[in-house]
C-alpha atoms as a PDB file:
ATOM      1  CA  MET A   1      10.736  -2.376 -25.990  1.00  0.00           C
ATOM      2  CA  SER A   2      12.034  -5.677 -24.682  1.00  0.00           C
ATOM      3  CA  ASN A   3      10.082  -8.719 -23.608  1.00  0.00           C
ATOM      4  CA  ARG A   4      12.729  -9.449 -20.998  1.00  0.00           C
ATOM      5  CA  CYS A   5      14.278  -7.427 -18.245  1.00  0.00           C
ATOM      6  CA  THR A   6      17.424  -7.887 -16.215  1.00  0.00           C
ATOM      7  CA  SER A   7      17.489  -9.562 -12.823  1.00  0.00           C
ATOM      8  CA  ALA A   8      19.563  -6.843 -11.138  1.00  0.00           C
ATOM      9  CA  ASN A   9      17.947  -5.654  -7.905  1.00  0.00           C
ATOM     10  CA  SER A  10      14.911  -7.900  -8.348  1.00  0.00           C
ATOM     11  CA  MET A  11      12.998  -9.248  -5.365  1.00  0.00           C
ATOM     12  CA  LEU A  12      11.212 -11.788  -7.559  1.00  0.00           C
ATOM     13  CA  GLU A  13      12.646 -13.419 -10.674  1.00  0.00           C
ATOM     14  CA  ILE A  14      10.802 -15.955 -12.808  1.00  0.00           C
ATOM     15  CA  GLN A  15      12.983 -18.054 -15.096  1.00  0.00           C
ATOM     16  CA  GLY A  16      11.689 -20.230 -17.940  1.00  0.00           C
ATOM     17  CA  LEU A  17       8.383 -20.993 -16.225  1.00  0.00           C
ATOM     18  CA  ASN A  18       6.066 -23.439 -17.989  1.00  0.00           C
ATOM     19  CA  GLN A  19       2.711 -24.587 -16.651  1.00  0.00           C
ATOM     20  CA  PHE A  20       0.027 -26.971 -17.885  1.00  0.00           C
ATOM     21  CA  TYR A  21      -3.614 -27.536 -16.979  1.00  0.00           C
ATOM     22  CA  GLY A  22      -4.245 -31.049 -18.233  1.00  0.00           C
ATOM     23  CA  GLY A  23      -3.262 -30.967 -21.890  1.00  0.00           C
ATOM     24  CA  SER A  24      -3.390 -27.183 -22.099  1.00  0.00           C
ATOM     25  CA  HIS A  25      -0.071 -25.317 -22.061  1.00  0.00           C
ATOM     26  CA  THR A  26      -0.913 -22.148 -20.098  1.00  0.00           C
ATOM     27  CA  LEU A  27       2.467 -20.513 -19.423  1.00  0.00           C
ATOM     28  CA  TRP A  28       5.234 -20.619 -22.017  1.00  0.00           C
ATOM     29  CA  ASP A  29       8.862 -20.081 -20.935  1.00  0.00           C
ATOM     30  CA  VAL A  30       7.991 -17.010 -18.880  1.00  0.00           C
ATOM     31  CA  ASP A  31      11.001 -14.894 -17.861  1.00  0.00           C
ATOM     32  CA  MET A  32       9.931 -11.998 -15.653  1.00  0.00           C
ATOM     33  CA  THR A  33      11.303  -9.850 -12.862  1.00  0.00           C
ATOM     34  CA  VAL A  34       9.708  -7.728 -10.160  1.00  0.00           C
ATOM     35  CA  PRO A  35      12.241  -5.066  -9.154  1.00  0.00           C
ATOM     36  CA  THR A  36      12.729  -4.478  -5.450  1.00  0.00           C
ATOM     37  CA  GLY A  37      10.699  -1.450  -4.346  1.00  0.00           C
ATOM     38  CA  SER A  38       8.617  -1.380  -7.521  1.00  0.00           C
ATOM     39  CA  CYS A  39       4.889  -1.516  -8.064  1.00  0.00           C
ATOM     40  CA  THR A  40       4.749  -3.871 -11.034  1.00  0.00           C
ATOM     41  CA  CYS A  41       1.478  -4.247 -12.921  1.00  0.00           C
ATOM     42  CA  LEU A  42       0.825  -7.512 -14.771  1.00  0.00           C
ATOM     43  CA  MET A  43      -1.670  -6.999 -17.575  1.00  0.00           C
ATOM     44  CA  GLY A  44      -3.221  -8.912 -20.464  1.00  0.00           C
ATOM     45  CA  ARG A  45      -6.574  -9.912 -21.860  1.00  0.00           C
ATOM     46  CA  ASN A  46      -8.727 -12.420 -19.985  1.00  0.00           C
ATOM     47  CA  GLY A  47      -7.427 -15.975 -20.127  1.00  0.00           C
ATOM     48  CA  MET A  48      -3.823 -15.011 -20.924  1.00  0.00           C
ATOM     49  CA  GLY A  49      -2.332 -16.653 -17.800  1.00  0.00           C
ATOM     50  CA  LYS A  50      -2.068 -13.773 -15.318  1.00  0.00           C
ATOM     51  CA  THR A  51      -3.865 -15.462 -12.412  1.00  0.00           C
ATOM     52  CA  THR A  52      -2.141 -18.751 -13.218  1.00  0.00           C
ATOM     53  CA  LEU A  53       1.220 -17.024 -12.901  1.00  0.00           C
ATOM     54  CA  LEU A  54       0.285 -15.624  -9.486  1.00  0.00           C
ATOM     55  CA  ARG A  55      -0.951 -19.059  -8.410  1.00  0.00           C
ATOM     56  CA  CYS A  56       2.398 -20.566  -9.379  1.00  0.00           C
ATOM     57  CA  ILE A  57       4.235 -17.927  -7.346  1.00  0.00           C
ATOM     58  CA  MET A  58       2.020 -18.718  -4.345  1.00  0.00           C
ATOM     59  CA  GLY A  59       2.379 -22.487  -4.752  1.00  0.00           C
ATOM     60  CA  VAL A  60      -1.311 -23.230  -5.315  1.00  0.00           C
ATOM     61  CA  ALA A  61      -0.550 -24.178  -8.934  1.00  0.00           C
ATOM     62  CA  SER A  62       2.582 -26.095  -9.881  1.00  0.00           C
ATOM     63  CA  GLY A  63       4.961 -25.154 -12.648  1.00  0.00           C
ATOM     64  CA  SER A  64       6.134 -28.011 -14.838  1.00  0.00           C
ATOM     65  CA  SER A  65       9.560 -26.462 -15.398  1.00  0.00           C
ATOM     66  CA  GLY A  66      11.482 -23.319 -14.583  1.00  0.00           C
ATOM     67  CA  LYS A  67      12.113 -21.393 -11.381  1.00  0.00           C
ATOM     68  CA  VAL A  68      10.400 -18.733  -9.280  1.00  0.00           C
ATOM     69  CA  LEU A  69      13.200 -17.095  -7.307  1.00  0.00           C
ATOM     70  CA  TYR A  70      12.325 -14.942  -4.313  1.00  0.00           C
ATOM     71  CA  GLU A  71      15.444 -13.352  -2.892  1.00  0.00           C
ATOM     72  CA  GLY A  72      17.343 -16.208  -4.508  1.00  0.00           C
ATOM     73  CA  ARG A  73      15.201 -19.071  -3.132  1.00  0.00           C
ATOM     74  CA  ASN A  74      13.184 -21.177  -5.553  1.00  0.00           C
ATOM     75  CA  LEU A  75       9.586 -20.997  -4.350  1.00  0.00           C
ATOM     76  CA  LEU A  76       8.553 -23.910  -6.561  1.00  0.00           C
ATOM     77  CA  THR A  77      10.370 -26.285  -4.194  1.00  0.00           C
ATOM     78  CA  LEU A  78       8.554 -25.001  -1.089  1.00  0.00           C
ATOM     79  CA  PRO A  79       5.055 -25.715   0.292  1.00  0.00           C
ATOM     80  CA  PRO A  80       2.470 -22.936  -0.127  1.00  0.00           C
ATOM     81  CA  GLU A  81       2.295 -22.130   3.588  1.00  0.00           C
ATOM     82  CA  ASP A  82       5.946 -21.052   3.615  1.00  0.00           C
ATOM     83  CA  ARG A  83       5.108 -17.873   1.682  1.00  0.00           C
ATOM     84  CA  ALA A  84       3.537 -16.135   4.660  1.00  0.00           C
ATOM     85  CA  HIS A  85       6.571 -16.854   6.852  1.00  0.00           C
ATOM     86  CA  MET A  86       8.763 -15.463   4.053  1.00  0.00           C
ATOM     87  CA  ARG A  87       6.790 -12.190   4.229  1.00  0.00           C
ATOM     88  CA  ILE A  88       4.837 -12.614   1.000  1.00  0.00           C
ATOM     89  CA  GLY A  89       1.289 -11.277   1.300  1.00  0.00           C
ATOM     90  CA  PHE A  90      -1.375 -12.372  -1.187  1.00  0.00           C
ATOM     91  CA  VAL A  91      -4.832 -11.036  -1.975  1.00  0.00           C
ATOM     92  CA  PRO A  92      -6.451 -13.465  -4.443  1.00  0.00           C
ATOM     93  CA  GLN A  93      -9.093 -12.681  -6.998  1.00  0.00           C
ATOM     94  CA  GLY A  94     -12.464 -12.837  -5.260  1.00  0.00           C
ATOM     95  CA  ARG A  95     -10.837 -11.838  -1.933  1.00  0.00           C
ATOM     96  CA  GLU A  96     -11.494 -15.214  -0.182  1.00  0.00           C
ATOM     97  CA  ILE A  97     -12.116 -13.753   3.245  1.00  0.00           C
ATOM     98  CA  PHE A  98     -13.755 -15.964   5.874  1.00  0.00           C
ATOM     99  CA  SER A  99     -17.371 -14.873   5.587  1.00  0.00           C
ATOM    100  CA  GLN A 100     -18.529 -16.449   8.869  1.00  0.00           C
ATOM    101  CA  LEU A 101     -15.709 -14.911  10.917  1.00  0.00           C
ATOM    102  CA  THR A 102     -15.752 -11.349  12.172  1.00  0.00           C
ATOM    103  CA  VAL A 103     -13.516  -8.665  10.725  1.00  0.00           C
ATOM    104  CA  GLU A 104     -11.302  -8.915  13.796  1.00  0.00           C
ATOM    105  CA  GLU A 105     -11.061 -12.708  13.511  1.00  0.00           C
ATOM    106  CA  ASN A 106     -10.122 -12.421   9.824  1.00  0.00           C
ATOM    107  CA  LEU A 107      -7.339 -10.009  10.705  1.00  0.00           C
ATOM    108  CA  ARG A 108      -6.083 -12.114  13.603  1.00  0.00           C
ATOM    109  CA  ILE A 109      -5.541 -15.080  11.284  1.00  0.00           C
ATOM    110  CA  GLY A 110      -2.587 -13.197   9.847  1.00  0.00           C
ATOM    111  CA  LEU A 111      -1.018 -12.664  13.252  1.00  0.00           C
ATOM    112  CA  ALA A 112      -0.090 -16.342  13.575  1.00  0.00           C
ATOM    113  CA  ALA A 113       2.256 -16.101  10.597  1.00  0.00           C
ATOM    114  CA  HIS A 114       3.883 -12.850  11.722  1.00  0.00           C
ATOM    115  CA  LYS A 115       7.470 -13.120  12.929  1.00  0.00           C
ATOM    116  CA  PRO A 116       8.011 -12.137  15.665  1.00  0.00           C
ATOM    117  CA  LYS A 117       4.553 -13.046  16.873  1.00  0.00           C
ATOM    118  CA  LEU A 118       2.179 -10.140  17.448  1.00  0.00           C
ATOM    119  CA  ARG A 119      -0.663 -10.112  19.936  1.00  0.00           C
ATOM    120  CA  ALA A 120      -2.494  -7.071  18.613  1.00  0.00           C
ATOM    121  CA  ILE A 121      -3.591  -6.051  15.143  1.00  0.00           C
ATOM    122  CA  PRO A 122      -1.244  -3.242  14.044  1.00  0.00           C
ATOM    123  CA  GLU A 123      -2.942   0.107  14.562  1.00  0.00           C
ATOM    124  CA  HIS A 124      -1.682   1.568  11.294  1.00  0.00           C
ATOM    125  CA  LEU A 125      -3.965  -0.817   9.374  1.00  0.00           C
ATOM    126  CA  PHE A 126      -6.967   0.994  10.807  1.00  0.00           C
ATOM    127  CA  ASP A 127      -5.420   4.306   9.795  1.00  0.00           C
ATOM    128  CA  MET A 128      -5.269   3.006   6.213  1.00  0.00           C
ATOM    129  CA  PHE A 129      -8.730   1.405   6.314  1.00  0.00           C
ATOM    130  CA  PRO A 130     -10.788   3.339   8.909  1.00  0.00           C
ATOM    131  CA  VAL A 131     -13.999   1.505   8.046  1.00  0.00           C
ATOM    132  CA  LEU A 132     -12.548  -1.724   9.455  1.00  0.00           C
ATOM    133  CA  ARG A 133     -12.168  -0.192  12.918  1.00  0.00           C
ATOM    134  CA  THR A 134     -15.919   0.440  13.064  1.00  0.00           C
ATOM    135  CA  MET A 135     -16.776  -3.072  11.848  1.00  0.00           C
ATOM    136  CA  LEU A 136     -14.547  -5.302  13.966  1.00  0.00           C
ATOM    137  CA  ARG A 137     -17.505  -7.296  15.329  1.00  0.00           C
ATOM    138  CA  ARG A 138     -19.306  -7.678  11.998  1.00  0.00           C
ATOM    139  CA  ARG A 139     -19.005 -10.887  10.000  1.00  0.00           C
ATOM    140  CA  GLY A 140     -16.924 -10.649   6.879  1.00  0.00           C
ATOM    141  CA  GLY A 141     -19.820 -11.887   4.771  1.00  0.00           C
ATOM    142  CA  ASP A 142     -21.931  -8.932   5.858  1.00  0.00           C
ATOM    143  CA  LEU A 143     -19.515  -6.374   4.402  1.00  0.00           C
ATOM    144  CA  SER A 144     -19.913  -4.796   0.973  1.00  0.00           C
ATOM    145  CA  GLY A 145     -17.612  -5.916  -1.816  1.00  0.00           C
ATOM    146  CA  GLY A 146     -15.393  -2.882  -1.396  1.00  0.00           C
ATOM    147  CA  GLN A 147     -15.188  -3.352   2.373  1.00  0.00           C
ATOM    148  CA  GLN A 148     -14.330  -7.026   1.890  1.00  0.00           C
ATOM    149  CA  GLN A 149     -11.494  -6.029  -0.444  1.00  0.00           C
ATOM    150  CA  GLN A 150     -10.147  -3.600   2.135  1.00  0.00           C
ATOM    151  CA  LEU A 151     -10.335  -6.387   4.722  1.00  0.00           C
ATOM    152  CA  ALA A 152      -8.510  -8.798   2.408  1.00  0.00           C
ATOM    153  CA  ILE A 153      -5.708  -6.293   1.820  1.00  0.00           C
ATOM    154  CA  ALA A 154      -5.454  -5.481   5.528  1.00  0.00           C
ATOM    155  CA  ARG A 155      -5.308  -9.193   6.350  1.00  0.00           C
ATOM    156  CA  ALA A 156      -2.367  -9.589   3.953  1.00  0.00           C
ATOM    157  CA  LEU A 157      -0.654  -6.552   5.482  1.00  0.00           C
ATOM    158  CA  VAL A 158      -0.895  -8.022   8.996  1.00  0.00           C
ATOM    159  CA  LEU A 159       2.025 -10.230   7.930  1.00  0.00           C
ATOM    160  CA  ASP A 160       4.194  -7.128   7.507  1.00  0.00           C
ATOM    161  CA  PRO A 161       5.052  -8.358   3.997  1.00  0.00           C
ATOM    162  CA  GLN A 162       7.979  -7.165   1.944  1.00  0.00           C
ATOM    163  CA  LEU A 163       6.207  -8.412  -1.212  1.00  0.00           C
ATOM    164  CA  LEU A 164       2.469  -7.856  -1.641  1.00  0.00           C
ATOM    165  CA  ILE A 165       0.683  -9.655  -4.500  1.00  0.00           C
ATOM    166  CA  LEU A 166      -2.810  -8.547  -5.506  1.00  0.00           C
ATOM    167  CA  ASP A 167      -5.023 -10.176  -8.138  1.00  0.00           C
ATOM    168  CA  GLU A 168      -7.409  -7.572  -9.613  1.00  0.00           C
ATOM    169  CA  PRO A 169      -7.910  -5.557  -6.412  1.00  0.00           C
ATOM    170  CA  THR A 170     -10.376  -3.140  -8.067  1.00  0.00           C
ATOM    171  CA  GLU A 171     -12.654  -5.710  -9.705  1.00  0.00           C
ATOM    172  CA  GLY A 172     -16.342  -4.998  -9.029  1.00  0.00           C
ATOM    173  CA  ILE A 173     -15.660  -2.214  -6.526  1.00  0.00           C
ATOM    174  CA  GLN A 174     -17.240   1.227  -6.357  1.00  0.00           C
ATOM    175  CA  PRO A 175     -15.052   4.157  -7.560  1.00  0.00           C
ATOM    176  CA  ASN A 176     -14.511   5.816  -4.173  1.00  0.00           C
ATOM    177  CA  ILE A 177     -13.087   2.606  -2.680  1.00  0.00           C
ATOM    178  CA  VAL A 178     -10.998   2.013  -5.819  1.00  0.00           C
ATOM    179  CA  ALA A 179      -9.481   5.448  -5.203  1.00  0.00           C
ATOM    180  CA  ALA A 180      -8.861   4.631  -1.523  1.00  0.00           C
ATOM    181  CA  ILE A 181      -7.176   1.340  -2.399  1.00  0.00           C
ATOM    182  CA  GLY A 182      -5.002   3.177  -4.898  1.00  0.00           C
ATOM    183  CA  ASP A 183      -3.999   5.646  -2.191  1.00  0.00           C
ATOM    184  CA  VAL A 184      -2.977   2.789   0.110  1.00  0.00           C
ATOM    185  CA  ILE A 185      -0.945   1.001  -2.570  1.00  0.00           C
ATOM    186  CA  GLN A 186       0.867   4.205  -3.502  1.00  0.00           C
ATOM    187  CA  LYS A 187       1.586   5.061   0.138  1.00  0.00           C
ATOM    188  CA  LEU A 188       2.942   1.600   0.925  1.00  0.00           C
ATOM    189  CA  ASN A 189       5.033   1.422  -2.223  1.00  0.00           C
ATOM    190  CA  ARG A 190       6.441   4.950  -2.201  1.00  0.00           C
ATOM    191  CA  GLU A 191       6.746   5.692   1.511  1.00  0.00           C
ATOM    192  CA  THR A 192       7.556   2.278   3.013  1.00  0.00           C
ATOM    193  CA  LYS A 193       9.180   0.824  -0.155  1.00  0.00           C
ATOM    194  CA  LEU A 194       6.897  -2.226  -0.114  1.00  0.00           C
ATOM    195  CA  THR A 195       7.341  -4.193  -3.342  1.00  0.00           C
ATOM    196  CA  VAL A 196       3.994  -4.766  -5.056  1.00  0.00           C
ATOM    197  CA  LEU A 197       2.940  -7.085  -7.882  1.00  0.00           C
ATOM    198  CA  LEU A 198      -0.628  -6.643  -9.030  1.00  0.00           C
ATOM    199  CA  VAL A 199      -2.844  -7.904 -11.823  1.00  0.00           C
ATOM    200  CA  GLU A 200      -5.023  -5.046 -13.009  1.00  0.00           C
ATOM    201  CA  GLN A 201      -7.344  -4.398 -15.947  1.00  0.00           C
ATOM    202  CA  LYS A 202      -8.247  -0.760 -15.320  1.00  0.00           C
ATOM    203  CA  LEU A 203      -5.858   1.399 -17.331  1.00  0.00           C
ATOM    204  CA  PRO A 204      -6.230   4.626 -15.278  1.00  0.00           C
ATOM    205  CA  PHE A 205      -5.594   2.724 -12.043  1.00  0.00           C
ATOM    206  CA  ALA A 206      -2.537   0.964 -13.501  1.00  0.00           C
ATOM    207  CA  ARG A 207      -1.096   4.238 -14.789  1.00  0.00           C
ATOM    208  CA  ARG A 208      -1.705   5.869 -11.424  1.00  0.00           C
ATOM    209  CA  VAL A 209      -0.152   3.324  -9.061  1.00  0.00           C
ATOM    210  CA  ALA A 210       2.347   1.270 -11.074  1.00  0.00           C
ATOM    211  CA  THR A 211       6.000   1.972 -11.743  1.00  0.00           C
ATOM    212  CA  HIS A 212       6.600  -1.034 -14.028  1.00  0.00           C
ATOM    213  CA  LEU A 213       4.596  -3.002 -16.585  1.00  0.00           C
ATOM    214  CA  ARG A 214       4.537  -6.638 -17.665  1.00  0.00           C
ATOM    215  CA  VAL A 215       2.131  -7.986 -20.295  1.00  0.00           C
ATOM    216  CA  LEU A 216       1.152 -11.605 -20.947  1.00  0.00           C
ATOM    217  CA  ASP A 217      -0.351 -12.706 -24.249  1.00  0.00           C
ATOM    218  CA  LYS A 218      -1.414 -16.340 -24.639  1.00  0.00           C
ATOM    219  CA  GLY A 219       0.797 -17.364 -21.737  1.00  0.00           C
ATOM    220  CA  ARG A 220       3.923 -15.626 -23.055  1.00  0.00           C
ATOM    221  CA  LEU A 221       5.558 -12.505 -21.677  1.00  0.00           C
ATOM    222  CA  VAL A 222       5.447 -10.006 -24.533  1.00  0.00           C
ATOM    223  CA  VAL A 223       6.212  -6.675 -22.821  1.00  0.00           C
ATOM    224  CA  SER A 224       8.532  -5.636 -19.987  1.00  0.00           C
ATOM    225  CA  GLY A 225       9.207  -2.028 -19.197  1.00  0.00           C
ATOM    226  CA  GLU A 226       8.330   0.921 -17.047  1.00  0.00           C
ATOM    227  CA  ILE A 227       4.702   2.009 -16.817  1.00  0.00           C
ATOM    228  CA  ALA A 228       5.334   4.661 -19.480  1.00  0.00           C
ATOM    229  CA  ALA A 229       5.321   1.742 -21.943  1.00  0.00           C
ATOM    230  CA  LEU A 230       1.537   1.496 -21.461  1.00  0.00           C
ATOM    231  CA  THR A 231       0.814   3.441 -24.644  1.00  0.00           C
ATOM    232  CA  ASP A 232      -2.360   3.516 -26.704  1.00  0.00           C
ATOM    233  CA  GLU A 233      -0.584   1.398 -29.315  1.00  0.00           C
ATOM    234  CA  LEU A 234       0.269  -1.275 -26.749  1.00  0.00           C
ATOM    235  CA  VAL A 235      -3.315  -1.231 -25.441  1.00  0.00           C
ATOM    236  CA  ARG A 236      -4.664  -1.844 -28.945  1.00  0.00           C
ATOM    237  CA  ALA A 237      -2.150  -4.629 -29.601  1.00  0.00           C
ATOM    238  CA  HIS A 238      -2.420  -6.587 -26.362  1.00  0.00           C
ATOM    239  CA  LEU A 239      -5.202  -5.384 -24.075  1.00  0.00           C
ATOM    240  CA  THR A 240      -8.340  -4.464 -26.010  1.00  0.00           C
ATOM    241  CA  VAL A 241     -10.905  -7.168 -26.749  1.00  0.00           C
END
């Protein structure tokens, strides 16, 4: 099993990425690809650099060296707000919805970045997340954790992204909503060919939805392969506490 993979047919390619927080070296020469049309799961123990890597991709953390190439363009040279216009959707850890705004207002925020501009929230989002249709007038902060996560994913999908990035979408969520979120990710990835990159800790969920696997250990990419590489041996070596 290799710790590198080729860049052929990759929507996202990370080359030699290093990142520091103060004097702490958090990412070490990371080379990683996300194949076009894949659902790529980024895994690793807590504190191994997974969220930091996503933050570098999204421009909210800066890499000290290297490149993050999205369809050939280096994202590290662009301001964070350009990602939405480039059809990159992001659901951060903790969801970060606007708690004082209604569900509808949260969803409409994404419309401004959609090209061409949309006036109405796409109806298919309510087909994927029916609970949101019944809660349009409720404030985001009044929703349960699972409902907030569905809202956060729907808000990212308003952009009509071609790359969707999710940071631990099942964290702290009840099993029935975890299953529903898995259904949505699979449908988007397999039926509409949406490319997905997600950080996930739950092994059954990763095995269910992902097509490819990447593992970080102490800020270094140590595993690249298809999801079949997620063996019990690999779990013991890199994922168990």
